[in-house]
N, C-alpha and C. Protein backbone atom coordinates (compact mmCIF):
# COMPACT_ATOMS: atom_id res chain seq x y z
N MET A 1 0.50 -1.15 0.22
CA MET A 1 0.01 -0.08 0.34
C MET A 1 0.77 1.29 -0.16
N HIS A 2 1.63 1.19 0.34
CA HIS A 2 3.03 2.28 -0.08
C HIS A 2 2.94 3.01 -1.17
N ILE A 3 2.83 2.54 -2.64
CA ILE A 3 2.99 3.09 -3.83
C ILE A 3 1.50 4.10 -3.57
N LEU A 4 0.24 3.38 -2.51
CA LEU A 4 -0.85 3.65 -3.89
C LEU A 4 -0.95 5.41 -2.26
N THR A 5 -0.26 5.34 -1.07
CA THR A 5 -0.06 6.69 -0.53
C THR A 5 0.81 7.77 -0.68
N SER A 6 1.77 7.08 -1.87
CA SER A 6 2.80 8.10 -2.10
C SER A 6 2.40 8.41 -4.09
N ALA A 7 1.69 8.18 -3.93
CA ALA A 7 1.00 8.62 -5.14
C ALA A 7 -0.15 9.86 -5.32
N GLY A 8 -0.78 10.05 -4.09
CA GLY A 8 -1.33 10.92 -4.04
C GLY A 8 -0.78 12.22 -4.20
N PRO A 9 0.57 13.12 -3.89
CA PRO A 9 1.07 14.36 -3.99
C PRO A 9 1.58 14.13 -5.74
N LEU A 10 1.44 12.71 -6.17
CA LEU A 10 2.08 13.20 -7.51
C LEU A 10 0.59 12.97 -8.38
N VAL A 11 -0.43 12.61 -7.94
CA VAL A 11 -1.52 13.05 -8.44
C VAL A 11 -2.18 14.37 -8.48
N SER A 12 -1.95 15.02 -7.26
CA SER A 12 -2.40 16.01 -7.12
C SER A 12 -1.26 17.23 -7.92
N LEU A 13 -0.33 17.18 -8.14
CA LEU A 13 0.60 17.59 -8.74
C LEU A 13 -0.12 17.54 -10.24
N VAL A 14 0.17 16.99 -11.35
CA VAL A 14 -0.55 16.50 -12.16
C VAL A 14 -1.83 17.00 -12.35
N ALA A 15 -2.61 16.87 -11.82
CA ALA A 15 -3.55 16.92 -11.43
C ALA A 15 -3.83 19.22 -11.99
N GLY A 16 -3.14 19.50 -10.98
CA GLY A 16 -2.59 20.91 -10.52
C GLY A 16 -2.16 21.62 -11.94
N ILE A 17 -1.48 20.64 -12.57
CA ILE A 17 -0.63 21.80 -13.69
C ILE A 17 -2.11 21.01 -14.66
N LEU A 18 -2.41 20.60 -15.41
CA LEU A 18 -3.72 20.25 -16.38
C LEU A 18 -4.20 21.63 -16.02
N ILE A 19 -4.54 21.39 -15.16
CA ILE A 19 -6.00 22.30 -15.18
C ILE A 19 -5.53 23.85 -14.95
N LEU A 20 -3.94 24.73 -14.59
CA LEU A 20 -3.07 25.19 -14.49
C LEU A 20 -3.74 26.14 -16.51
N VAL A 21 -3.57 24.59 -17.26
CA VAL A 21 -3.08 24.42 -18.11
C VAL A 21 -4.45 24.61 -19.48
N MET A 22 -5.30 23.55 -19.13
CA MET A 22 -6.33 23.34 -19.30
C MET A 22 -7.88 24.46 -18.19
N PRO A 23 -8.28 25.20 -17.49
CA PRO A 23 -9.40 25.29 -16.25
C PRO A 23 -10.19 24.54 -17.02
N ARG A 24 -10.68 24.21 -18.33
CA ARG A 24 -12.05 23.53 -18.61
C ARG A 24 -12.11 21.86 -18.27
N LEU A 25 -10.52 21.54 -17.66
CA LEU A 25 -10.64 19.59 -16.91
C LEU A 25 -11.44 19.88 -15.87
N LEU A 26 -11.42 21.31 -15.18
CA LEU A 26 -11.15 20.60 -13.57
C LEU A 26 -12.41 20.98 -12.81
N ASN A 27 -13.33 20.18 -13.59
CA ASN A 27 -14.98 19.90 -13.50
C ASN A 27 -14.65 18.63 -13.59
N TYR A 28 -13.92 17.86 -14.82
CA TYR A 28 -13.68 16.34 -15.20
C TYR A 28 -12.97 15.64 -13.82
N ILE A 29 -11.95 16.91 -13.77
CA ILE A 29 -11.19 16.53 -12.59
C ILE A 29 -11.46 16.09 -10.69
N VAL A 30 -12.17 17.17 -10.35
CA VAL A 30 -13.16 16.71 -10.02
C VAL A 30 -14.03 15.58 -9.60
N ALA A 31 -14.69 16.01 -10.77
CA ALA A 31 -16.25 14.44 -10.80
C ALA A 31 -15.40 13.63 -11.21
N ILE A 32 -13.85 13.18 -11.10
CA ILE A 32 -13.40 11.62 -11.27
C ILE A 32 -12.77 10.91 -10.14
N TYR A 33 -12.34 12.88 -9.00
CA TYR A 33 -12.21 12.60 -7.83
C TYR A 33 -13.21 11.81 -6.64
N LEU A 34 -13.93 12.84 -7.27
CA LEU A 34 -15.40 12.15 -5.84
C LEU A 34 -15.60 11.16 -6.50
N ILE A 35 -16.27 10.35 -7.49
CA ILE A 35 -16.64 9.41 -8.11
C ILE A 35 -15.47 8.78 -7.57
N ILE A 36 -14.00 8.58 -7.54
CA ILE A 36 -13.08 6.99 -6.75
C ILE A 36 -13.31 7.27 -5.36
N ILE A 37 -13.56 8.26 -4.67
CA ILE A 37 -12.89 8.60 -3.10
C ILE A 37 -14.75 7.51 -2.71
N GLY A 38 -16.04 8.13 -3.26
CA GLY A 38 -17.62 7.80 -2.93
C GLY A 38 -17.41 5.58 -3.60
N LEU A 39 -16.15 5.58 -4.44
CA LEU A 39 -16.66 4.13 -4.53
C LEU A 39 -15.29 3.15 -4.18
N LEU A 40 -14.50 4.00 -3.58
CA LEU A 40 -13.52 3.59 -2.53
C LEU A 40 -14.01 3.40 -1.03
N GLY A 41 -15.14 4.64 -0.67
CA GLY A 41 -15.67 4.99 0.61
C GLY A 41 -16.84 3.57 0.60
N LEU A 42 -16.76 2.68 -0.36
CA LEU A 42 -18.61 2.22 -0.43
C LEU A 42 -18.08 1.13 -0.46
N PHE A 43 -17.02 0.09 -1.29
CA PHE A 43 -16.33 -0.38 -1.29
C PHE A 43 -15.66 -0.80 -0.93
N GLY A 44 -14.48 -0.54 0.28
CA GLY A 44 -13.13 -0.34 -0.06
C GLY A 44 -12.82 -1.49 0.82
N HIS A 45 -13.64 -1.18 1.80
CA HIS A 45 -13.25 -2.37 2.66
C HIS A 45 -14.15 -3.29 2.78
N HIS A 46 -14.77 -4.07 1.78
CA HIS A 46 -14.84 -4.76 0.64
C HIS A 46 -13.29 -5.50 0.05
N LEU A 47 -12.20 -5.00 0.54
CA LEU A 47 -11.11 -5.50 -0.99
C LEU A 47 -10.24 -5.64 0.34
N HIS A 48 -9.91 -5.67 1.70
CA HIS A 48 -9.21 -6.38 2.55
C HIS A 48 -9.09 -8.07 2.96
């Protein structure tokens, strides 16, 4: 799980750069983030 914990800052850095370059991506990035967090919250405890 160490790979997943160190991927967070990298993902946010890439997302921030993409938002600066193409501000319209902000809606998609936020939507995808919320969907992933929601799915992990609902089904994450079943993965162990």
